[in-house]
């Protein structure tokens, strides 16, 4: 199977140009905040829409879910957790 280069595609929201960047994203669940930093993404230079290569969003969600699990197991639910990818 051939890998798709999404950076050559236009933004699905506005048709603008997608640029490769490393971004930070925060997630909140029941008062627990986790932050992932250094995520490879494609960001529209016009509207700011964030896109990932195929499968990328699933990997980001899985990483956030693991951090939420760690926060509960380690009883760190009163502060945020950060992971650099």
PDB file of N, CA and C in Angstrom:
ATOM      1  N   UNK A   1       0.836  -1.175   0.000  1.00  0.00           N
ATOM      2  CA  UNK A   1       0.000   0.000   0.000  1.00  0.00           C
ATOM      3  C   UNK A   1       0.886   1.244   0.000  1.00  0.00           C
ATOM      4  N   UNK A   2       0.500   2.218  -0.792  1.00  0.00           N
ATOM      5  CA  UNK A   2       1.268   3.442  -0.936  1.00  0.00           C
ATOM      6  C   UNK A   2       0.880   4.460   0.125  1.00  0.00           C
ATOM      7  N   UNK A   3       1.879   5.125   0.708  1.00  0.00           N
ATOM      8  CA  UNK A   3       1.625   6.147   1.714  1.00  0.00           C
ATOM      9  C   UNK A   3       1.134   7.429   1.028  1.00  0.00           C
ATOM     10  N   UNK A   4       0.104   8.033   1.578  1.00  0.00           N
ATOM     11  CA  UNK A   4      -0.468   9.255   1.026  1.00  0.00           C
ATOM     12  C   UNK A   4       0.259  10.454   1.622  1.00  0.00           C
ATOM     13  N   UNK A   5       0.676  11.388   0.761  1.00  0.00           N
ATOM     14  CA  UNK A   5       1.306  12.618   1.238  1.00  0.00           C
ATOM     15  C   UNK A   5       0.232  13.699   1.302  1.00  0.00           C
ATOM     16  N   UNK A   6      -0.348  13.853   2.494  1.00  0.00           N
ATOM     17  CA  UNK A   6      -1.441  14.796   2.686  1.00  0.00           C
ATOM     18  C   UNK A   6      -1.004  16.245   2.516  1.00  0.00           C
ATOM     19  N   UNK A   7       0.291  16.541   2.625  1.00  0.00           N
ATOM     20  CA  UNK A   7       0.751  17.924   2.525  1.00  0.00           C
ATOM     21  C   UNK A   7       0.559  18.487   1.114  1.00  0.00           C
ATOM     22  N   UNK A   8       0.377  17.623   0.144  1.00  0.00           N
ATOM     23  CA  UNK A   8       0.148  18.068  -1.225  1.00  0.00           C
ATOM     24  C   UNK A   8      -1.336  18.298  -1.502  1.00  0.00           C
ATOM     25  N   UNK A   9      -2.184  17.903  -0.570  1.00  0.00           N
ATOM     26  CA  UNK A   9      -3.624  18.080  -0.719  1.00  0.00           C
ATOM     27  C   UNK A   9      -4.036  19.447  -0.176  1.00  0.00           C
ATOM     28  N   UNK A  10      -5.118  20.036  -0.724  1.00  0.00           N
ATOM     29  CA  UNK A  10      -5.614  21.291  -0.150  1.00  0.00           C
ATOM     30  C   UNK A  10      -6.368  21.031   1.149  1.00  0.00           C
ATOM     31  N   UNK A  11      -6.515  22.074   1.957  1.00  0.00           N
ATOM     32  CA  UNK A  11      -7.282  21.982   3.198  1.00  0.00           C
ATOM     33  C   UNK A  11      -8.710  21.561   2.880  1.00  0.00           C
ATOM     34  N   UNK A  12      -9.231  20.617   3.637  1.00  0.00           N
ATOM     35  CA  UNK A  12     -10.598  20.133   3.404  1.00  0.00           C
ATOM     36  C   UNK A  12     -11.655  21.148   3.822  1.00  0.00           C
ATOM     37  N   UNK A  13     -11.271  22.139   4.625  1.00  0.00           N
ATOM     38  CA  UNK A  13     -12.235  23.145   5.089  1.00  0.00           C
ATOM     39  C   UNK A  13     -12.304  24.355   4.168  1.00  0.00           C
ATOM     40  N   UNK A  14     -11.130  24.861   3.724  1.00  0.00           N
ATOM     41  CA  UNK A  14     -11.136  26.117   2.970  1.00  0.00           C
ATOM     42  C   UNK A  14     -10.374  26.058   1.647  1.00  0.00           C
ATOM     43  N   UNK A  15      -9.677  24.940   1.396  1.00  0.00           N
ATOM     44  CA  UNK A  15      -8.896  24.829   0.165  1.00  0.00           C
ATOM     45  C   UNK A  15      -7.510  25.440   0.260  1.00  0.00           C
ATOM     46  N   UNK A  16      -7.134  25.936   1.444  1.00  0.00           N
ATOM     47  CA  UNK A  16      -5.819  26.559   1.644  1.00  0.00           C
ATOM     48  C   UNK A  16      -4.688  25.544   1.616  1.00  0.00           C
ATOM     49  N   UNK A  17      -3.472  26.049   1.801  1.00  0.00           N
ATOM     50  CA  UNK A  17      -2.270  25.215   1.752  1.00  0.00           C
ATOM     51  C   UNK A  17      -1.971  24.620   3.122  1.00  0.00           C
ATOM     52  N   UNK A  18      -1.677  23.327   3.162  1.00  0.00           N
ATOM     53  CA  UNK A  18      -1.319  22.645   4.402  1.00  0.00           C
ATOM     54  C   UNK A  18       0.189  22.687   4.597  1.00  0.00           C
ATOM     55  N   UNK A  19       0.611  23.026   5.818  1.00  0.00           N
ATOM     56  CA  UNK A  19       2.033  23.084   6.156  1.00  0.00           C
ATOM     57  C   UNK A  19       2.336  22.074   7.257  1.00  0.00           C
ATOM     58  N   UNK A  20       3.483  21.422   7.137  1.00  0.00           N
ATOM     59  CA  UNK A  20       3.921  20.483   8.181  1.00  0.00           C
ATOM     60  C   UNK A  20       4.393  21.280   9.394  1.00  0.00           C
ATOM     61  N   UNK A  21       3.859  20.921  10.571  1.00  0.00           N
ATOM     62  CA  UNK A  21       4.250  21.586  11.814  1.00  0.00           C
ATOM     63  C   UNK A  21       4.216  20.570  12.946  1.00  0.00           C
ATOM     64  N   UNK A  22       4.818  20.956  14.065  1.00  0.00           N
ATOM     65  CA  UNK A  22       4.690  20.187  15.305  1.00  0.00           C
ATOM     66  C   UNK A  22       3.819  21.024  16.232  1.00  0.00           C
ATOM     67  N   UNK A  23       2.753  20.419  16.724  1.00  0.00           N
ATOM     68  CA  UNK A  23       1.770  21.156  17.511  1.00  0.00           C
ATOM     69  C   UNK A  23       1.628  20.567  18.908  1.00  0.00           C
ATOM     70  N   UNK A  24       0.969  21.305  19.775  1.00  0.00           N
ATOM     71  CA  UNK A  24       0.594  20.849  21.109  1.00  0.00           C
ATOM     72  C   UNK A  24      -0.922  20.751  21.141  1.00  0.00           C
ATOM     73  N   UNK A  25      -1.434  19.758  21.832  1.00  0.00           N
ATOM     74  CA  UNK A  25      -2.880  19.645  22.014  1.00  0.00           C
ATOM     75  C   UNK A  25      -3.174  19.265  23.452  1.00  0.00           C
ATOM     76  N   UNK A  26      -4.195  19.900  24.024  1.00  0.00           N
ATOM     77  CA  UNK A  26      -4.666  19.577  25.368  1.00  0.00           C
ATOM     78  C   UNK A  26      -6.000  18.870  25.274  1.00  0.00           C
ATOM     79  N   UNK A  27      -6.184  17.916  26.166  1.00  0.00           N
ATOM     80  CA  UNK A  27      -7.433  17.173  26.265  1.00  0.00           C
ATOM     81  C   UNK A  27      -7.893  17.232  27.711  1.00  0.00           C
ATOM     82  N   UNK A  28      -9.196  17.327  27.918  1.00  0.00           N
ATOM     83  CA  UNK A  28      -9.746  17.381  29.279  1.00  0.00           C
ATOM     84  C   UNK A  28     -10.853  16.343  29.397  1.00  0.00           C
ATOM     85  N   UNK A  29     -10.795  15.605  30.488  1.00  0.00           N
ATOM     86  CA  UNK A  29     -11.834  14.603  30.766  1.00  0.00           C
ATOM     87  C   UNK A  29     -12.083  14.591  32.264  1.00  0.00           C
ATOM     88  N   UNK A  30     -13.294  14.922  32.656  1.00  0.00           N
ATOM     89  CA  UNK A  30     -13.706  14.898  34.064  1.00  0.00           C
ATOM     90  C   UNK A  30     -12.735  15.662  34.961  1.00  0.00           C
ATOM     91  N   UNK A  31     -12.310  16.826  34.504  1.00  0.00           N
ATOM     92  CA  UNK A  31     -11.420  17.662  35.298  1.00  0.00           C
ATOM     93  C   UNK A  31      -9.948  17.337  35.186  1.00  0.00           C
ATOM     94  N   UNK A  32      -9.601  16.261  34.507  1.00  0.00           N
ATOM     95  CA  UNK A  32      -8.197  15.886  34.306  1.00  0.00           C
ATOM     96  C   UNK A  32      -7.755  16.446  32.960  1.00  0.00           C
ATOM     97  N   UNK A  33      -6.612  17.117  32.953  1.00  0.00           N
ATOM     98  CA  UNK A  33      -6.074  17.698  31.725  1.00  0.00           C
ATOM     99  C   UNK A  33      -4.780  16.982  31.361  1.00  0.00           C
ATOM    100  N   UNK A  34      -4.678  16.549  30.114  1.00  0.00           N
ATOM    101  CA  UNK A  34      -3.427  15.985  29.610  1.00  0.00           C
ATOM    102  C   UNK A  34      -3.023  16.796  28.387  1.00  0.00           C
ATOM    103  N   UNK A  35      -1.715  16.944  28.212  1.00  0.00           N
ATOM    104  CA  UNK A  35      -1.197  17.719  27.089  1.00  0.00           C
ATOM    105  C   UNK A  35      -0.174  16.886  26.343  1.00  0.00           C
ATOM    106  N   UNK A  36      -0.337  16.821  25.043  1.00  0.00           N
ATOM    107  CA  UNK A  36       0.639  16.167  24.177  1.00  0.00           C
ATOM    108  C   UNK A  36       1.343  17.259  23.392  1.00  0.00           C
ATOM    109  N   UNK A  37       2.654  17.228  23.355  1.00  0.00           N
ATOM    110  CA  UNK A  37       3.400  18.236  22.609  1.00  0.00           C
ATOM    111  C   UNK A  37       4.321  17.560  21.607  1.00  0.00           C
ATOM    112  N   UNK A  38       4.621  18.283  20.547  1.00  0.00           N
ATOM    113  CA  UNK A  38       5.499  17.761  19.507  1.00  0.00           C
ATOM    114  C   UNK A  38       4.807  16.832  18.538  1.00  0.00           C
ATOM    115  N   UNK A  39       3.489  16.976  18.380  1.00  0.00           N
ATOM    116  CA  UNK A  39       2.720  16.117  17.487  1.00  0.00           C
ATOM    117  C   UNK A  39       2.922  16.585  16.043  1.00  0.00           C
ATOM    118  N   UNK A  40       3.342  15.688  15.169  1.00  0.00           N
ATOM    119  CA  UNK A  40       3.476  16.021  13.746  1.00  0.00           C
ATOM    120  C   UNK A  40       2.078  16.151  13.150  1.00  0.00           C
ATOM    121  N   UNK A  41       1.825  17.285  12.515  1.00  0.00           N
ATOM    122  CA  UNK A  41       0.507  17.540  11.943  1.00  0.00           C
ATOM    123  C   UNK A  41       0.649  18.404  10.707  1.00  0.00           C
ATOM    124  N   UNK A  42      -0.442  18.510   9.983  1.00  0.00           N
ATOM    125  CA  UNK A  42      -0.547  19.427   8.856  1.00  0.00           C
ATOM    126  C   UNK A  42      -1.533  20.503   9.271  1.00  0.00           C
ATOM    127  N   UNK A  43      -1.115  21.764   9.170  1.00  0.00           N
ATOM    128  CA  UNK A  43      -1.950  22.877   9.613  1.00  0.00           C
ATOM    129  C   UNK A  43      -2.179  23.805   8.428  1.00  0.00           C
ATOM    130  N   UNK A  44      -3.435  24.167   8.202  1.00  0.00           N
ATOM    131  CA  UNK A  44      -3.771  25.061   7.099  1.00  0.00           C
ATOM    132  C   UNK A  44      -3.237  26.459   7.393  1.00  0.00           C
ATOM    133  N   UNK A  45      -2.530  27.021   6.425  1.00  0.00           N
ATOM    134  CA  UNK A  45      -1.960  28.356   6.600  1.00  0.00           C
ATOM    135  C   UNK A  45      -3.036  29.441   6.557  1.00  0.00           C
ATOM    136  N   UNK A  46      -4.228  29.120   6.053  1.00  0.00           N
ATOM    137  CA  UNK A  46      -5.302  30.108   5.963  1.00  0.00           C
ATOM    138  C   UNK A  46      -6.262  30.049   7.151  1.00  0.00           C
ATOM    139  N   UNK A  47      -6.829  28.872   7.412  1.00  0.00           N
ATOM    140  CA  UNK A  47      -7.880  28.785   8.441  1.00  0.00           C
ATOM    141  C   UNK A  47      -7.428  28.132   9.746  1.00  0.00           C
ATOM    142  N   UNK A  48      -6.227  27.511   9.764  1.00  0.00           N
ATOM    143  CA  UNK A  48      -5.723  26.893  10.983  1.00  0.00           C
ATOM    144  C   UNK A  48      -6.230  25.481  11.234  1.00  0.00           C
ATOM    145  N   UNK A  49      -7.006  24.919  10.316  1.00  0.00           N
ATOM    146  CA  UNK A  49      -7.496  23.541  10.449  1.00  0.00           C
ATOM    147  C   UNK A  49      -6.310  22.598  10.630  1.00  0.00           C
ATOM    148  N   UNK A  50      -6.441  21.641  11.558  1.00  0.00           N
ATOM    149  CA  UNK A  50      -5.385  20.670  11.837  1.00  0.00           C
ATOM    150  C   UNK A  50      -5.758  19.342  11.210  1.00  0.00           C
ATOM    151  N   UNK A  51      -4.828  18.765  10.450  1.00  0.00           N
ATOM    152  CA  UNK A  51      -5.035  17.465   9.813  1.00  0.00           C
ATOM    153  C   UNK A  51      -3.856  16.563  10.175  1.00  0.00           C
ATOM    154  N   UNK A  52      -4.105  15.276  10.127  1.00  0.00           N
ATOM    155  CA  UNK A  52      -3.056  14.295  10.385  1.00  0.00           C
ATOM    156  C   UNK A  52      -2.955  13.350   9.201  1.00  0.00           C
ATOM    157  N   UNK A  53      -1.792  12.736   9.047  1.00  0.00           N
ATOM    158  CA  UNK A  53      -1.657  11.678   8.060  1.00  0.00           C
ATOM    159  C   UNK A  53      -2.638  10.562   8.444  1.00  0.00           C
ATOM    160  N   UNK A  54      -3.050   9.707   7.507  1.00  0.00           N
ATOM    161  CA  UNK A  54      -3.966   8.623   7.843  1.00  0.00           C
ATOM    162  C   UNK A  54      -3.465   7.815   9.045  1.00  0.00           C
ATOM    163  N   UNK A  55      -4.341   7.619  10.016  1.00  0.00           N
ATOM    164  CA  UNK A  55      -4.018   6.881  11.235  1.00  0.00           C
ATOM    165  C   UNK A  55      -3.449   7.755  12.336  1.00  0.00           C
ATOM    166  N   UNK A  56      -3.044   8.965  12.014  1.00  0.00           N
ATOM    167  CA  UNK A  56      -2.417   9.856  12.992  1.00  0.00           C
ATOM    168  C   UNK A  56      -3.351  10.266  14.114  1.00  0.00           C
ATOM    169  N   UNK A  57      -4.594  10.584  13.785  1.00  0.00           N
ATOM    170  CA  UNK A  57      -5.562  11.005  14.807  1.00  0.00           C
ATOM    171  C   UNK A  57      -5.815   9.871  15.801  1.00  0.00           C
ATOM    172  N   UNK A  58      -5.869   8.641  15.298  1.00  0.00           N
ATOM    173  CA  UNK A  58      -6.073   7.486  16.188  1.00  0.00           C
ATOM    174  C   UNK A  58      -4.905   7.327  17.159  1.00  0.00           C
ATOM    175  N   UNK A  59      -3.692   7.569  16.684  1.00  0.00           N
ATOM    176  CA  UNK A  59      -2.514   7.452  17.547  1.00  0.00           C
ATOM    177  C   UNK A  59      -2.491   8.550  18.606  1.00  0.00           C
ATOM    178  N   UNK A  60      -2.895   9.761  18.235  1.00  0.00           N
ATOM    179  CA  UNK A  60      -2.959  10.861  19.197  1.00  0.00           C
ATOM    180  C   UNK A  60      -4.003  10.545  20.269  1.00  0.00           C
ATOM    181  N   UNK A  61      -5.169  10.053  19.849  1.00  0.00           N
ATOM    182  CA  UNK A  61      -6.222   9.700  20.806  1.00  0.00           C
ATOM    183  C   UNK A  61      -5.762   8.585  21.741  1.00  0.00           C
ATOM    184  N   UNK A  62      -5.054   7.590  21.206  1.00  0.00           N
ATOM    185  CA  UNK A  62      -4.553   6.491  22.039  1.00  0.00           C
ATOM    186  C   UNK A  62      -3.544   7.006  23.069  1.00  0.00           C
ATOM    187  N   UNK A  63      -2.665   7.913  22.665  1.00  0.00           N
ATOM    188  CA  UNK A  63      -1.683   8.473  23.600  1.00  0.00           C
ATOM    189  C   UNK A  63      -2.377   9.261  24.704  1.00  0.00           C
ATOM    190  N   UNK A  64      -3.384  10.055  24.341  1.00  0.00           N
ATOM    191  CA  UNK A  64      -4.135  10.821  25.348  1.00  0.00           C
ATOM    192  C   UNK A  64      -4.843   9.877  26.305  1.00  0.00           C
ATOM    193  N   UNK A  65      -5.437   8.821  25.794  1.00  0.00           N
ATOM    194  CA  UNK A  65      -6.136   7.856  26.657  1.00  0.00           C
ATOM    195  C   UNK A  65      -5.173   7.182  27.628  1.00  0.00           C
ATOM    196  N   UNK A  66      -3.963   6.866  27.172  1.00  0.00           N
ATOM    197  CA  UNK A  66      -2.966   6.275  28.076  1.00  0.00           C
ATOM    198  C   UNK A  66      -2.602   7.244  29.195  1.00  0.00           C
ATOM    199  N   UNK A  67      -2.464   8.535  28.866  1.00  0.00           N
ATOM    200  CA  UNK A  67      -2.159   9.524  29.904  1.00  0.00           C
ATOM    201  C   UNK A  67      -3.312   9.679  30.886  1.00  0.00           C
ATOM    202  N   UNK A  68      -4.544   9.645  30.391  1.00  0.00           N
ATOM    203  CA  UNK A  68      -5.693   9.697  31.305  1.00  0.00           C
ATOM    204  C   UNK A  68      -5.666   8.498  32.248  1.00  0.00           C
ATOM    205  N   UNK A  69      -5.344   7.323  31.719  1.00  0.00           N
ATOM    206  CA  UNK A  69      -5.238   6.132  32.556  1.00  0.00           C
ATOM    207  C   UNK A  69      -4.146   6.261  33.596  1.00  0.00           C
ATOM    208  N   UNK A  70      -3.010   6.816  33.208  1.00  0.00           N
ATOM    209  CA  UNK A  70      -1.904   7.037  34.147  1.00  0.00           C
ATOM    210  C   UNK A  70      -2.308   8.009  35.247  1.00  0.00           C
ATOM    211  N   UNK A  71      -3.037   9.051  34.892  1.00  0.00           N
ATOM    212  CA  UNK A  71      -3.472  10.045  35.879  1.00  0.00           C
ATOM    213  C   UNK A  71      -4.341   9.399  36.951  1.00  0.00           C
ATOM    214  N   UNK A  72      -5.194   8.481  36.551  1.00  0.00           N
ATOM    215  CA  UNK A  72      -6.078   7.812  37.508  1.00  0.00           C
ATOM    216  C   UNK A  72      -5.300   6.812  38.353  1.00  0.00           C
ATOM    217  N   UNK A  73      -4.470   5.993  37.722  1.00  0.00           N
ATOM    218  CA  UNK A  73      -3.696   4.970  38.439  1.00  0.00           C
ATOM    219  C   UNK A  73      -2.733   5.612  39.429  1.00  0.00           C
ATOM    220  N   UNK A  74      -2.082   6.665  39.027  1.00  0.00           N
ATOM    221  CA  UNK A  74      -1.083   7.322  39.873  1.00  0.00           C
ATOM    222  C   UNK A  74      -1.692   8.401  40.765  1.00  0.00           C
ATOM    223  N   UNK A  75      -3.004   8.527  40.721  1.00  0.00           N
ATOM    224  CA  UNK A  75      -3.719   9.507  41.541  1.00  0.00           C
ATOM    225  C   UNK A  75      -3.198  10.928  41.288  1.00  0.00           C
ATOM    226  N   UNK A  76      -2.957  11.231  40.020  1.00  0.00           N
ATOM    227  CA  UNK A  76      -2.451  12.543  39.638  1.00  0.00           C
ATOM    228  C   UNK A  76      -3.554  13.382  39.007  1.00  0.00           C
ATOM    229  N   UNK A  77      -4.760  13.122  39.393  1.00  0.00           N
ATOM    230  CA  UNK A  77      -5.891  13.755  38.740  1.00  0.00           C
ATOM    231  C   UNK A  77      -6.116  15.212  39.134  1.00  0.00           C
ATOM    232  N   UNK A  78      -5.327  15.755  40.051  1.00  0.00           N
ATOM    233  CA  UNK A  78      -5.519  17.145  40.467  1.00  0.00           C
ATOM    234  C   UNK A  78      -4.602  18.101  39.738  1.00  0.00           C
ATOM    235  N   UNK A  79      -3.790  17.584  38.843  1.00  0.00           N
ATOM    236  CA  UNK A  79      -2.938  18.441  38.043  1.00  0.00           C
ATOM    237  C   UNK A  79      -2.838  17.851  36.639  1.00  0.00           C
ATOM    238  N   UNK A  80      -2.243  18.590  35.753  1.00  0.00           N
ATOM    239  CA  UNK A  80      -2.175  18.111  34.365  1.00  0.00           C
ATOM    240  C   UNK A  80      -0.951  17.229  34.153  1.00  0.00           C
ATOM    241  N   UNK A  81      -1.031  16.387  33.149  1.00  0.00           N
ATOM    242  CA  UNK A  81       0.068  15.536  32.716  1.00  0.00           C
ATOM    243  C   UNK A  81       0.481  15.960  31.324  1.00  0.00           C
ATOM    244  N   UNK A  82       1.758  15.984  31.059  1.00  0.00           N
ATOM    245  CA  UNK A  82       2.250  16.376  29.740  1.00  0.00           C
ATOM    246  C   UNK A  82       3.186  15.298  29.221  1.00  0.00           C
ATOM    247  N   UNK A  83       3.043  14.993  27.935  1.00  0.00           N
ATOM    248  CA  UNK A  83       3.950  14.055  27.262  1.00  0.00           C
ATOM    249  C   UNK A  83       4.451  14.701  25.997  1.00  0.00           C
ATOM    250  N   UNK A  84       5.755  14.615  25.780  1.00  0.00           N
ATOM    251  CA  UNK A  84       6.346  15.125  24.547  1.00  0.00           C
ATOM    252  C   UNK A  84       6.520  13.952  23.598  1.00  0.00           C
ATOM    253  N   UNK A  85       5.959  14.085  22.422  1.00  0.00           N
ATOM    254  CA  UNK A  85       6.016  12.996  21.439  1.00  0.00           C
ATOM    255  C   UNK A  85       7.177  13.215  20.507  1.00  0.00           C
TER     256      UNK A  85
END
